[in-house]
């Protein structure tokens, strides 16, 4: 299946410019599917949801950004752990 990647920065008027084409087996990444998330990934998602319930403040936004970075690191490790030499 071919997927066309569109760049939002390439928006010109009402048209998106296509910047590359790549082949993918599964269009939806594993980390975006809740049914495939690990317990660690789900715990981070739940933490993000709890912080969001606390209200709106710069400190809370910064906490959510850091939690999202942690989620991405865990998900990337999970996706590549079989390839890791350690």
PDB file of N, CA and C in Angstrom:
ATOM      1  N   UNK A   1       0.840  -1.166   0.000  1.00  0.00           N
ATOM      2  CA  UNK A   1       0.000   0.000   0.000  1.00  0.00           C
ATOM      3  C   UNK A   1       0.888   1.234   0.000  1.00  0.00           C
ATOM      4  N   UNK A   2       0.604   2.184  -0.831  1.00  0.00           N
ATOM      5  CA  UNK A   2       1.385   3.412  -0.878  1.00  0.00           C
ATOM      6  C   UNK A   2       0.646   4.506  -0.116  1.00  0.00           C
ATOM      7  N   UNK A   3       1.415   5.245   0.632  1.00  0.00           N
ATOM      8  CA  UNK A   3       0.869   6.344   1.411  1.00  0.00           C
ATOM      9  C   UNK A   3       1.546   7.626   0.969  1.00  0.00           C
ATOM     10  N   UNK A   4       0.759   8.608   0.649  1.00  0.00           N
ATOM     11  CA  UNK A   4       1.311   9.905   0.280  1.00  0.00           C
ATOM     12  C   UNK A   4       1.396  10.756   1.538  1.00  0.00           C
ATOM     13  N   UNK A   5       2.571  11.231   1.846  1.00  0.00           N
ATOM     14  CA  UNK A   5       2.772  12.084   3.016  1.00  0.00           C
ATOM     15  C   UNK A   5       2.593  13.536   2.603  1.00  0.00           C
ATOM     16  N   UNK A   6       1.713  14.216   3.281  1.00  0.00           N
ATOM     17  CA  UNK A   6       1.449  15.611   2.960  1.00  0.00           C
ATOM     18  C   UNK A   6       2.062  16.501   4.024  1.00  0.00           C
ATOM     19  N   UNK A   7       2.674  17.550   3.590  1.00  0.00           N
ATOM     20  CA  UNK A   7       3.300  18.479   4.521  1.00  0.00           C
ATOM     21  C   UNK A   7       2.387  19.671   4.767  1.00  0.00           C
ATOM     22  N   UNK A   8       1.978  19.906   6.039  1.00  0.00           N
ATOM     23  CA  UNK A   8       1.143  21.076   6.304  1.00  0.00           C
ATOM     24  C   UNK A   8       1.881  22.376   6.027  1.00  0.00           C
ATOM     25  N   UNK A   9       3.216  22.346   6.091  1.00  0.00           N
ATOM     26  CA  UNK A   9       3.984  23.553   5.797  1.00  0.00           C
ATOM     27  C   UNK A   9       3.983  23.862   4.306  1.00  0.00           C
ATOM     28  N   UNK A  10       3.658  22.877   3.514  1.00  0.00           N
ATOM     29  CA  UNK A  10       3.674  23.072   2.067  1.00  0.00           C
ATOM     30  C   UNK A  10       2.318  23.564   1.559  1.00  0.00           C
ATOM     31  N   UNK A  11       1.451  23.982   2.463  1.00  0.00           N
ATOM     32  CA  UNK A  11       0.124  24.442   2.066  1.00  0.00           C
ATOM     33  C   UNK A  11       0.238  25.707   1.215  1.00  0.00           C
ATOM     34  N   UNK A  12      -0.270  25.634   0.029  1.00  0.00           N
ATOM     35  CA  UNK A  12      -0.288  26.784  -0.877  1.00  0.00           C
ATOM     36  C   UNK A  12      -1.732  26.983  -1.327  1.00  0.00           C
ATOM     37  N   UNK A  13      -2.368  28.003  -0.824  1.00  0.00           N
ATOM     38  CA  UNK A  13      -3.765  28.217  -1.188  1.00  0.00           C
ATOM     39  C   UNK A  13      -4.609  27.083  -0.648  1.00  0.00           C
ATOM     40  N   UNK A  14      -5.329  26.388  -1.531  1.00  0.00           N
ATOM     41  CA  UNK A  14      -6.161  25.266  -1.120  1.00  0.00           C
ATOM     42  C   UNK A  14      -5.528  23.928  -1.449  1.00  0.00           C
ATOM     43  N   UNK A  15      -4.252  23.896  -1.782  1.00  0.00           N
ATOM     44  CA  UNK A  15      -3.614  22.667  -2.230  1.00  0.00           C
ATOM     45  C   UNK A  15      -2.442  22.300  -1.331  1.00  0.00           C
ATOM     46  N   UNK A  16      -2.333  21.032  -1.015  1.00  0.00           N
ATOM     47  CA  UNK A  16      -1.157  20.511  -0.328  1.00  0.00           C
ATOM     48  C   UNK A  16      -0.162  20.036  -1.370  1.00  0.00           C
ATOM     49  N   UNK A  17       1.100  20.300  -1.155  1.00  0.00           N
ATOM     50  CA  UNK A  17       2.142  19.779  -2.028  1.00  0.00           C
ATOM     51  C   UNK A  17       2.614  18.442  -1.464  1.00  0.00           C
ATOM     52  N   UNK A  18       2.758  17.457  -2.309  1.00  0.00           N
ATOM     53  CA  UNK A  18       3.237  16.144  -1.890  1.00  0.00           C
ATOM     54  C   UNK A  18       4.752  16.192  -1.866  1.00  0.00           C
ATOM     55  N   UNK A  19       5.362  15.834  -0.712  1.00  0.00           N
ATOM     56  CA  UNK A  19       6.809  15.929  -0.637  1.00  0.00           C
ATOM     57  C   UNK A  19       7.510  14.588  -0.706  1.00  0.00           C
ATOM     58  N   UNK A  20       6.836  13.485  -0.437  1.00  0.00           N
ATOM     59  CA  UNK A  20       7.460  12.188  -0.657  1.00  0.00           C
ATOM     60  C   UNK A  20       6.409  11.092  -0.612  1.00  0.00           C
ATOM     61  N   UNK A  21       6.754   9.978  -1.175  1.00  0.00           N
ATOM     62  CA  UNK A  21       5.894   8.807  -1.168  1.00  0.00           C
ATOM     63  C   UNK A  21       6.677   7.669  -0.536  1.00  0.00           C
ATOM     64  N   UNK A  22       6.043   6.940   0.337  1.00  0.00           N
ATOM     65  CA  UNK A  22       6.710   5.791   0.923  1.00  0.00           C
ATOM     66  C   UNK A  22       5.725   4.643   1.046  1.00  0.00           C
ATOM     67  N   UNK A  23       6.243   3.449   1.142  1.00  0.00           N
ATOM     68  CA  UNK A  23       5.420   2.263   1.261  1.00  0.00           C
ATOM     69  C   UNK A  23       5.347   1.867   2.728  1.00  0.00           C
ATOM     70  N   UNK A  24       4.143   1.576   3.191  1.00  0.00           N
ATOM     71  CA  UNK A  24       3.949   1.170   4.569  1.00  0.00           C
ATOM     72  C   UNK A  24       3.059  -0.055   4.611  1.00  0.00           C
ATOM     73  N   UNK A  25       3.356  -0.981   5.524  1.00  0.00           N
ATOM     74  CA  UNK A  25       2.509  -2.152   5.687  1.00  0.00           C
ATOM     75  C   UNK A  25       1.235  -1.785   6.432  1.00  0.00           C
ATOM     76  N   UNK A  26       1.370  -1.063   7.508  1.00  0.00           N
ATOM     77  CA  UNK A  26       0.238  -0.678   8.333  1.00  0.00           C
ATOM     78  C   UNK A  26       0.213   0.848   8.402  1.00  0.00           C
ATOM     79  N   UNK A  27      -0.868   1.442   7.994  1.00  0.00           N
ATOM     80  CA  UNK A  27      -0.947   2.898   7.933  1.00  0.00           C
ATOM     81  C   UNK A  27      -0.996   3.513   9.328  1.00  0.00           C
ATOM     82  N   UNK A  28      -1.638   2.847  10.278  1.00  0.00           N
ATOM     83  CA  UNK A  28      -1.759   3.384  11.632  1.00  0.00           C
ATOM     84  C   UNK A  28      -0.603   2.843  12.477  1.00  0.00           C
ATOM     85  N   UNK A  29       0.259   3.725  13.006  1.00  0.00           N
ATOM     86  CA  UNK A  29       1.369   3.257  13.850  1.00  0.00           C
ATOM     87  C   UNK A  29       0.855   2.551  15.102  1.00  0.00           C
ATOM     88  N   UNK A  30       1.614   1.591  15.597  1.00  0.00           N
ATOM     89  CA  UNK A  30       1.227   0.819  16.769  1.00  0.00           C
ATOM     90  C   UNK A  30       0.964   1.720  17.970  1.00  0.00           C
ATOM     91  N   UNK A  31       1.785   2.745  18.153  1.00  0.00           N
ATOM     92  CA  UNK A  31       1.632   3.597  19.333  1.00  0.00           C
ATOM     93  C   UNK A  31       0.346   4.422  19.310  1.00  0.00           C
ATOM     94  N   UNK A  32      -0.292   4.513  18.165  1.00  0.00           N
ATOM     95  CA  UNK A  32      -1.555   5.249  18.056  1.00  0.00           C
ATOM     96  C   UNK A  32      -2.774   4.361  18.315  1.00  0.00           C
ATOM     97  N   UNK A  33      -2.552   3.060  18.415  1.00  0.00           N
ATOM     98  CA  UNK A  33      -3.645   2.107  18.631  1.00  0.00           C
ATOM     99  C   UNK A  33      -3.671   1.693  20.101  1.00  0.00           C
ATOM    100  N   UNK A  34      -4.730   2.068  20.800  1.00  0.00           N
ATOM    101  CA  UNK A  34      -4.843   1.747  22.218  1.00  0.00           C
ATOM    102  C   UNK A  34      -4.827   0.246  22.470  1.00  0.00           C
ATOM    103  N   UNK A  35      -5.391  -0.525  21.559  1.00  0.00           N
ATOM    104  CA  UNK A  35      -5.440  -1.973  21.758  1.00  0.00           C
ATOM    105  C   UNK A  35      -4.060  -2.621  21.655  1.00  0.00           C
ATOM    106  N   UNK A  36      -3.072  -1.918  21.113  1.00  0.00           N
ATOM    107  CA  UNK A  36      -1.724  -2.447  20.991  1.00  0.00           C
ATOM    108  C   UNK A  36      -0.731  -1.779  21.944  1.00  0.00           C
ATOM    109  N   UNK A  37      -1.196  -0.802  22.740  1.00  0.00           N
ATOM    110  CA  UNK A  37      -0.312  -0.133  23.703  1.00  0.00           C
ATOM    111  C   UNK A  37       0.050  -1.081  24.844  1.00  0.00           C
ATOM    112  N   UNK A  38       1.281  -0.923  25.330  1.00  0.00           N
ATOM    113  CA  UNK A  38       1.744  -1.694  26.475  1.00  0.00           C
ATOM    114  C   UNK A  38       1.192  -1.070  27.760  1.00  0.00           C
ATOM    115  N   UNK A  39       1.270  -1.788  28.889  1.00  0.00           N
ATOM    116  CA  UNK A  39       0.821  -1.188  30.156  1.00  0.00           C
ATOM    117  C   UNK A  39       1.554   0.114  30.483  1.00  0.00           C
ATOM    118  N   UNK A  40       2.839   0.197  30.178  1.00  0.00           N
ATOM    119  CA  UNK A  40       3.596   1.434  30.441  1.00  0.00           C
ATOM    120  C   UNK A  40       3.057   2.586  29.596  1.00  0.00           C
ATOM    121  N   UNK A  41       2.779   2.327  28.322  1.00  0.00           N
ATOM    122  CA  UNK A  41       2.244   3.378  27.446  1.00  0.00           C
ATOM    123  C   UNK A  41       0.865   3.821  27.917  1.00  0.00           C
ATOM    124  N   UNK A  42       0.037   2.870  28.331  1.00  0.00           N
ATOM    125  CA  UNK A  42      -1.300   3.217  28.817  1.00  0.00           C
ATOM    126  C   UNK A  42      -1.228   4.024  30.111  1.00  0.00           C
ATOM    127  N   UNK A  43      -0.264   3.705  30.981  1.00  0.00           N
ATOM    128  CA  UNK A  43      -0.097   4.462  32.222  1.00  0.00           C
ATOM    129  C   UNK A  43       0.266   5.919  31.926  1.00  0.00           C
ATOM    130  N   UNK A  44       1.127   6.121  30.950  1.00  0.00           N
ATOM    131  CA  UNK A  44       1.507   7.491  30.577  1.00  0.00           C
ATOM    132  C   UNK A  44       0.304   8.218  29.974  1.00  0.00           C
ATOM    133  N   UNK A  45      -0.462   7.525  29.134  1.00  0.00           N
ATOM    134  CA  UNK A  45      -1.683   8.140  28.572  1.00  0.00           C
ATOM    135  C   UNK A  45      -2.640   8.549  29.689  1.00  0.00           C
ATOM    136  N   UNK A  46      -2.810   7.680  30.685  1.00  0.00           N
ATOM    137  CA  UNK A  46      -3.697   7.999  31.811  1.00  0.00           C
ATOM    138  C   UNK A  46      -3.166   9.184  32.612  1.00  0.00           C
ATOM    139  N   UNK A  47      -1.850   9.263  32.782  1.00  0.00           N
ATOM    140  CA  UNK A  47      -1.259  10.402  33.489  1.00  0.00           C
ATOM    141  C   UNK A  47      -1.527  11.700  32.736  1.00  0.00           C
ATOM    142  N   UNK A  48      -1.402  11.659  31.421  1.00  0.00           N
ATOM    143  CA  UNK A  48      -1.691  12.845  30.597  1.00  0.00           C
ATOM    144  C   UNK A  48      -3.143  13.276  30.798  1.00  0.00           C
ATOM    145  N   UNK A  49      -4.062  12.313  30.790  1.00  0.00           N
ATOM    146  CA  UNK A  49      -5.485  12.620  30.960  1.00  0.00           C
ATOM    147  C   UNK A  49      -5.750  13.252  32.330  1.00  0.00           C
ATOM    148  N   UNK A  50      -5.085  12.760  33.377  1.00  0.00           N
ATOM    149  CA  UNK A  50      -5.278  13.320  34.721  1.00  0.00           C
ATOM    150  C   UNK A  50      -4.737  14.740  34.814  1.00  0.00           C
ATOM    151  N   UNK A  51      -3.598  15.000  34.210  1.00  0.00           N
ATOM    152  CA  UNK A  51      -3.034  16.355  34.217  1.00  0.00           C
ATOM    153  C   UNK A  51      -3.951  17.299  33.448  1.00  0.00           C
ATOM    154  N   UNK A  52      -4.509  16.830  32.346  1.00  0.00           N
ATOM    155  CA  UNK A  52      -5.425  17.680  31.568  1.00  0.00           C
ATOM    156  C   UNK A  52      -6.669  18.047  32.380  1.00  0.00           C
ATOM    157  N   UNK A  53      -7.118  17.144  33.248  1.00  0.00           N
ATOM    158  CA  UNK A  53      -8.291  17.418  34.090  1.00  0.00           C
ATOM    159  C   UNK A  53      -7.999  18.489  35.144  1.00  0.00           C
ATOM    160  N   UNK A  54      -6.728  18.686  35.475  1.00  0.00           N
ATOM    161  CA  UNK A  54      -6.357  19.619  36.543  1.00  0.00           C
ATOM    162  C   UNK A  54      -6.630  21.074  36.178  1.00  0.00           C
ATOM    163  N   UNK A  55      -6.695  21.391  34.917  1.00  0.00           N
ATOM    164  CA  UNK A  55      -6.967  22.764  34.526  1.00  0.00           C
ATOM    165  C   UNK A  55      -5.992  23.264  33.477  1.00  0.00           C
ATOM    166  N   UNK A  56      -5.960  24.583  33.337  1.00  0.00           N
ATOM    167  CA  UNK A  56      -5.114  25.204  32.315  1.00  0.00           C
ATOM    168  C   UNK A  56      -4.076  26.095  32.987  1.00  0.00           C
ATOM    169  N   UNK A  57      -2.833  25.730  32.794  1.00  0.00           N
ATOM    170  CA  UNK A  57      -1.722  26.531  33.323  1.00  0.00           C
ATOM    171  C   UNK A  57      -0.473  26.175  32.528  1.00  0.00           C
ATOM    172  N   UNK A  58       0.440  27.092  32.444  1.00  0.00           N
ATOM    173  CA  UNK A  58       1.668  26.866  31.690  1.00  0.00           C
ATOM    174  C   UNK A  58       2.430  25.669  32.244  1.00  0.00           C
ATOM    175  N   UNK A  59       2.482  25.555  33.574  1.00  0.00           N
ATOM    176  CA  UNK A  59       3.202  24.442  34.190  1.00  0.00           C
ATOM    177  C   UNK A  59       2.569  23.102  33.817  1.00  0.00           C
ATOM    178  N   UNK A  60       1.240  23.065  33.769  1.00  0.00           N
ATOM    179  CA  UNK A  60       0.550  21.827  33.398  1.00  0.00           C
ATOM    180  C   UNK A  60       0.775  21.492  31.923  1.00  0.00           C
ATOM    181  N   UNK A  61       0.794  22.515  31.087  1.00  0.00           N
ATOM    182  CA  UNK A  61       1.093  22.290  29.675  1.00  0.00           C
ATOM    183  C   UNK A  61       2.500  21.729  29.513  1.00  0.00           C
ATOM    184  N   UNK A  62       3.450  22.279  30.250  1.00  0.00           N
ATOM    185  CA  UNK A  62       4.822  21.767  30.196  1.00  0.00           C
ATOM    186  C   UNK A  62       4.892  20.321  30.679  1.00  0.00           C
ATOM    187  N   UNK A  63       4.117  19.992  31.710  1.00  0.00           N
ATOM    188  CA  UNK A  63       4.083  18.615  32.210  1.00  0.00           C
ATOM    189  C   UNK A  63       3.529  17.668  31.151  1.00  0.00           C
ATOM    190  N   UNK A  64       2.484  18.092  30.456  1.00  0.00           N
ATOM    191  CA  UNK A  64       1.894  17.261  29.405  1.00  0.00           C
ATOM    192  C   UNK A  64       2.888  17.058  28.269  1.00  0.00           C
ATOM    193  N   UNK A  65       3.607  18.105  27.915  1.00  0.00           N
ATOM    194  CA  UNK A  65       4.619  17.979  26.852  1.00  0.00           C
ATOM    195  C   UNK A  65       5.671  16.952  27.250  1.00  0.00           C
ATOM    196  N   UNK A  66       6.130  17.007  28.498  1.00  0.00           N
ATOM    197  CA  UNK A  66       7.148  16.054  28.964  1.00  0.00           C
ATOM    198  C   UNK A  66       6.586  14.633  29.028  1.00  0.00           C
ATOM    199  N   UNK A  67       5.335  14.497  29.443  1.00  0.00           N
ATOM    200  CA  UNK A  67       4.713  13.169  29.453  1.00  0.00           C
ATOM    201  C   UNK A  67       4.574  12.617  28.035  1.00  0.00           C
ATOM    202  N   UNK A  68       4.234  13.474  27.079  1.00  0.00           N
ATOM    203  CA  UNK A  68       4.133  13.027  25.691  1.00  0.00           C
ATOM    204  C   UNK A  68       5.498  12.596  25.160  1.00  0.00           C
ATOM    205  N   UNK A  69       6.545  13.339  25.533  1.00  0.00           N
ATOM    206  CA  UNK A  69       7.908  12.950  25.138  1.00  0.00           C
ATOM    207  C   UNK A  69       8.262  11.589  25.739  1.00  0.00           C
ATOM    208  N   UNK A  70       7.868  11.369  27.003  1.00  0.00           N
ATOM    209  CA  UNK A  70       8.121  10.074  27.647  1.00  0.00           C
ATOM    210  C   UNK A  70       7.363   8.966  26.926  1.00  0.00           C
ATOM    211  N   UNK A  71       6.113   9.235  26.567  1.00  0.00           N
ATOM    212  CA  UNK A  71       5.322   8.244  25.835  1.00  0.00           C
ATOM    213  C   UNK A  71       6.006   7.886  24.516  1.00  0.00           C
ATOM    214  N   UNK A  72       6.456   8.899  23.781  1.00  0.00           N
ATOM    215  CA  UNK A  72       7.115   8.654  22.493  1.00  0.00           C
ATOM    216  C   UNK A  72       8.393   7.837  22.659  1.00  0.00           C
ATOM    217  N   UNK A  73       9.170   8.127  23.703  1.00  0.00           N
ATOM    218  CA  UNK A  73      10.401   7.369  23.950  1.00  0.00           C
ATOM    219  C   UNK A  73      10.095   5.909  24.265  1.00  0.00           C
ATOM    220  N   UNK A  74       9.093   5.677  25.117  1.00  0.00           N
ATOM    221  CA  UNK A  74       8.723   4.303  25.462  1.00  0.00           C
ATOM    222  C   UNK A  74       8.182   3.571  24.231  1.00  0.00           C
ATOM    223  N   UNK A  75       7.342   4.241  23.462  1.00  0.00           N
ATOM    224  CA  UNK A  75       6.768   3.617  22.267  1.00  0.00           C
ATOM    225  C   UNK A  75       7.850   3.314  21.230  1.00  0.00           C
ATOM    226  N   UNK A  76       8.781   4.236  21.046  1.00  0.00           N
ATOM    227  CA  UNK A  76       9.871   3.992  20.097  1.00  0.00           C
ATOM    228  C   UNK A  76      10.735   2.817  20.554  1.00  0.00           C
ATOM    229  N   UNK A  77      10.998   2.746  21.859  1.00  0.00           N
ATOM    230  CA  UNK A  77      11.782   1.624  22.374  1.00  0.00           C
ATOM    231  C   UNK A  77      11.023   0.313  22.160  1.00  0.00           C
ATOM    232  N   UNK A  78       9.723   0.338  22.442  1.00  0.00           N
ATOM    233  CA  UNK A  78       8.894  -0.863  22.275  1.00  0.00           C
ATOM    234  C   UNK A  78       8.897  -1.328  20.816  1.00  0.00           C
ATOM    235  N   UNK A  79       8.821  -0.379  19.897  1.00  0.00           N
ATOM    236  CA  UNK A  79       8.796  -0.724  18.473  1.00  0.00           C
ATOM    237  C   UNK A  79      10.141  -1.277  17.983  1.00  0.00           C
ATOM    238  N   UNK A  80      11.222  -0.882  18.634  1.00  0.00           N
ATOM    239  CA  UNK A  80      12.556  -1.266  18.164  1.00  0.00           C
ATOM    240  C   UNK A  80      13.310  -2.176  19.122  1.00  0.00           C
ATOM    241  N   UNK A  81      12.682  -2.689  20.165  1.00  0.00           N
ATOM    242  CA  UNK A  81      13.398  -3.462  21.166  1.00  0.00           C
ATOM    243  C   UNK A  81      13.988  -4.762  20.615  1.00  0.00           C
ATOM    244  N   UNK A  82      13.367  -5.339  19.597  1.00  0.00           N
ATOM    245  CA  UNK A  82      13.909  -6.565  18.997  1.00  0.00           C
ATOM    246  C   UNK A  82      15.171  -6.288  18.193  1.00  0.00           C
ATOM    247  N   UNK A  83      15.336  -5.047  17.746  1.00  0.00           N
ATOM    248  CA  UNK A  83      16.503  -4.675  16.952  1.00  0.00           C
ATOM    249  C   UNK A  83      17.661  -4.192  17.822  1.00  0.00           C
ATOM    250  N   UNK A  84      17.375  -3.905  19.098  1.00  0.00           N
ATOM    251  CA  UNK A  84      18.382  -3.355  19.996  1.00  0.00           C
ATOM    252  C   UNK A  84      19.390  -4.424  20.417  1.00  0.00           C
ATOM    253  N   UNK A  85      20.697  -4.102  20.386  1.00  0.00           N
ATOM    254  CA  UNK A  85      21.706  -5.082  20.795  1.00  0.00           C
ATOM    255  C   UNK A  85      21.767  -5.275  22.297  1.00  0.00           C
ATOM    256  N   UNK A  86      21.170  -4.379  23.080  1.00  0.00           N
ATOM    257  CA  UNK A  86      21.231  -4.460  24.547  1.00  0.00           C
ATOM    258  C   UNK A  86      20.019  -5.192  25.068  1.00  0.00           C
TER     259      UNK A  86
END
